[in-house]
Protein backbone atom coordinates (compact mmCIF):
# COMPACT_ATOMS: atom_id res chain seq x y z
CA UNK A 1 117.53 84.69 106.93
CA UNK A 2 115.66 86.50 109.70
CA UNK A 3 112.25 87.86 108.86
CA UNK A 4 111.83 91.60 108.64
CA UNK A 5 108.91 93.88 109.24
CA UNK A 6 106.83 95.37 106.45
CA UNK A 7 106.09 99.10 106.45
CA UNK A 8 102.70 100.29 105.19
CA UNK A 9 102.51 103.86 103.91
CA UNK A 10 99.51 106.04 103.11
CA UNK A 11 101.21 108.99 101.37
CA UNK A 12 99.38 112.28 101.48
CA UNK A 13 100.02 115.95 100.80
CA UNK A 14 99.29 117.01 104.39
CA UNK A 15 100.02 113.85 106.37
CA UNK A 16 101.52 110.45 105.64
CA UNK A 17 100.26 107.55 107.72
CA UNK A 18 102.49 104.65 108.69
CA UNK A 19 101.91 101.09 109.88
CA UNK A 20 104.25 98.21 110.67
CA UNK A 21 103.72 94.48 110.51
CA UNK A 22 104.85 92.08 113.18
CA UNK A 23 107.79 89.85 112.24
CA UNK A 24 105.46 87.00 111.25
CA UNK A 25 103.65 89.21 108.72
CA UNK A 26 100.31 88.45 110.36
CA UNK A 27 99.24 91.72 111.97
CA UNK A 28 99.55 95.40 111.06
CA UNK A 29 99.75 98.06 113.76
CA UNK A 30 99.73 101.82 113.47
CA UNK A 31 103.17 103.39 113.54
CA UNK A 32 102.27 107.07 113.58
CA UNK A 33 101.88 109.86 111.13
CA UNK A 34 104.38 112.18 109.47
CA UNK A 35 103.41 115.76 108.75
CA UNK A 36 104.17 115.93 105.04
CA UNK A 37 106.55 118.78 104.29
CA UNK A 38 107.15 118.20 100.62
CA UNK A 39 107.91 115.20 98.48
CA UNK A 40 111.63 114.80 99.28
CA UNK A 41 111.47 115.52 103.03
CA UNK A 42 108.52 113.17 103.46
CA UNK A 43 110.39 110.41 101.61
CA UNK A 44 113.41 110.98 103.87
CA UNK A 45 111.22 110.74 106.97
CA UNK A 46 109.61 107.51 105.76
CA UNK A 47 113.09 106.14 104.92
CA UNK A 48 114.26 106.87 108.48
CA UNK A 49 111.29 104.94 109.91
CA UNK A 50 111.99 102.03 107.54
CA UNK A 51 115.66 101.84 108.48
CA UNK A 52 115.12 102.23 112.24
CA UNK A 53 112.55 99.39 112.21
CA UNK A 54 114.59 96.96 110.09
CA UNK A 55 111.98 96.91 107.33
CA UNK A 56 112.37 94.47 104.44
CA UNK A 57 109.49 95.71 102.27
CA UNK A 58 107.48 98.90 101.94
CA UNK A 59 103.83 98.65 100.89
CA UNK A 60 102.65 101.97 99.50
CA UNK A 61 98.96 102.70 99.09
CA UNK A 62 98.22 103.27 95.40
CA UNK A 63 95.24 105.54 94.74
CA UNK A 64 93.50 103.95 91.79
CA UNK A 65 90.24 105.56 90.68
CA UNK A 66 87.07 103.61 91.42
CA UNK A 67 86.71 102.83 87.69
CA UNK A 68 90.21 101.32 87.65
CA UNK A 69 91.94 104.19 85.86
CA UNK A 70 95.09 105.97 87.03
CA UNK A 71 95.01 109.71 87.61
CA UNK A 72 97.44 112.49 88.62
CA UNK A 73 97.43 111.33 92.25
CA UNK A 74 98.50 107.85 91.14
CA UNK A 75 101.41 109.30 89.16
CA UNK A 76 102.54 111.28 92.22
CA UNK A 77 102.43 108.17 94.43
CA UNK A 78 104.31 106.12 91.83
CA UNK A 79 107.05 108.77 91.71
CA UNK A 80 107.14 108.85 95.53
CA UNK A 81 107.51 105.06 95.63
CA UNK A 82 110.30 105.06 93.06
CA UNK A 83 112.19 107.75 94.99
CA UNK A 84 111.65 105.92 98.28
CA UNK A 85 113.02 102.72 96.78
CA UNK A 86 116.08 104.58 95.46
CA UNK A 87 116.97 106.21 98.79
CA UNK A 88 116.28 103.16 100.98
CA UNK A 89 117.34 100.26 98.78
CA UNK A 90 114.15 98.57 100.03
CA UNK A 91 111.62 97.20 97.56
CA UNK A 92 108.44 99.32 97.37
CA UNK A 93 105.28 97.52 96.33
CA UNK A 94 102.24 99.55 95.26
CA UNK A 95 98.98 98.24 96.69
CA UNK A 96 95.48 99.26 95.61
CA UNK A 97 94.17 101.48 98.39
CA UNK A 98 90.67 102.07 97.08
CA UNK A 99 88.30 102.66 99.97
CA UNK A 100 91.01 102.49 102.69
CA UNK A 101 90.33 106.06 103.85
CA UNK A 102 86.57 105.55 103.55
CA UNK A 103 86.85 102.38 105.64
CA UNK A 104 88.96 104.22 108.22
CA UNK A 105 86.19 106.84 108.48
CA UNK A 106 83.60 104.09 109.03
CA UNK A 107 85.67 102.61 111.87
CA UNK A 108 86.17 106.01 113.47
CA UNK A 109 82.43 106.70 113.20
CA UNK A 110 81.68 103.38 114.90
CA UNK A 111 84.07 104.21 117.74
CA UNK A 112 82.71 107.78 117.95
CA UNK A 113 86.17 109.28 117.40
CA UNK A 114 85.75 112.97 116.61
CA UNK A 115 87.55 116.27 116.21
CA UNK A 116 91.31 116.66 116.49
CA UNK A 117 91.82 113.10 117.66
CA UNK A 118 90.18 111.83 114.47
CA UNK A 119 92.31 114.11 112.30
CA UNK A 120 95.44 112.83 114.02
CA UNK A 121 94.77 109.14 113.45
CA UNK A 122 92.88 108.88 110.15
CA UNK A 123 96.02 108.57 108.01
CA UNK A 124 97.70 106.13 110.40
CA UNK A 125 94.55 104.00 110.37
CA UNK A 126 94.42 104.12 106.56
CA UNK A 127 98.03 102.90 106.43
CA UNK A 128 97.11 100.13 108.85
CA UNK A 129 94.16 99.04 106.67
CA UNK A 130 96.34 99.09 103.53
CA UNK A 131 99.03 96.99 105.19
CA UNK A 132 96.58 94.55 106.79
CA UNK A 133 94.84 94.03 103.43
CA UNK A 134 98.22 93.35 101.85
CA UNK A 135 99.20 90.88 104.61
CA UNK A 136 95.85 89.07 104.33
CA UNK A 137 96.17 88.80 100.55
CA UNK A 138 99.70 87.39 100.82
CA UNK A 139 98.68 84.89 103.50
CA UNK A 140 95.72 83.73 101.38
CA UNK A 141 98.00 83.27 98.35
CA UNK A 142 100.16 80.89 100.34
CA UNK A 143 97.37 78.78 101.85
């Protein structure tokens, strides 16, 4: 069976960041950002990206509180993931995203990315960090 790409998703109320793996599952790259226009429309947009890129797995950032508890945001993401799985037929795996946005901000600070440009890429970069962390964890499991 041919390998498929993995789609990383950082779901948000305003914007949803996307990232795609290479076919080997080694490297995550940014794949853009969707302006979130409601739960169902955003899920449909993510589903279109998944289908057009021959994705075999969707990794969805799961916002767990720093103390390990699950809050209202977590419930919303879980529902989004379940709906996404239903409409795509592609397995959705939740992945702890603690600090992914904070780490994206650190990187953008280091590269002196400011203003509108920063706003446009922060969610895509967060998705990229989520997916790369997932890929690294999976690779380390198998070595």
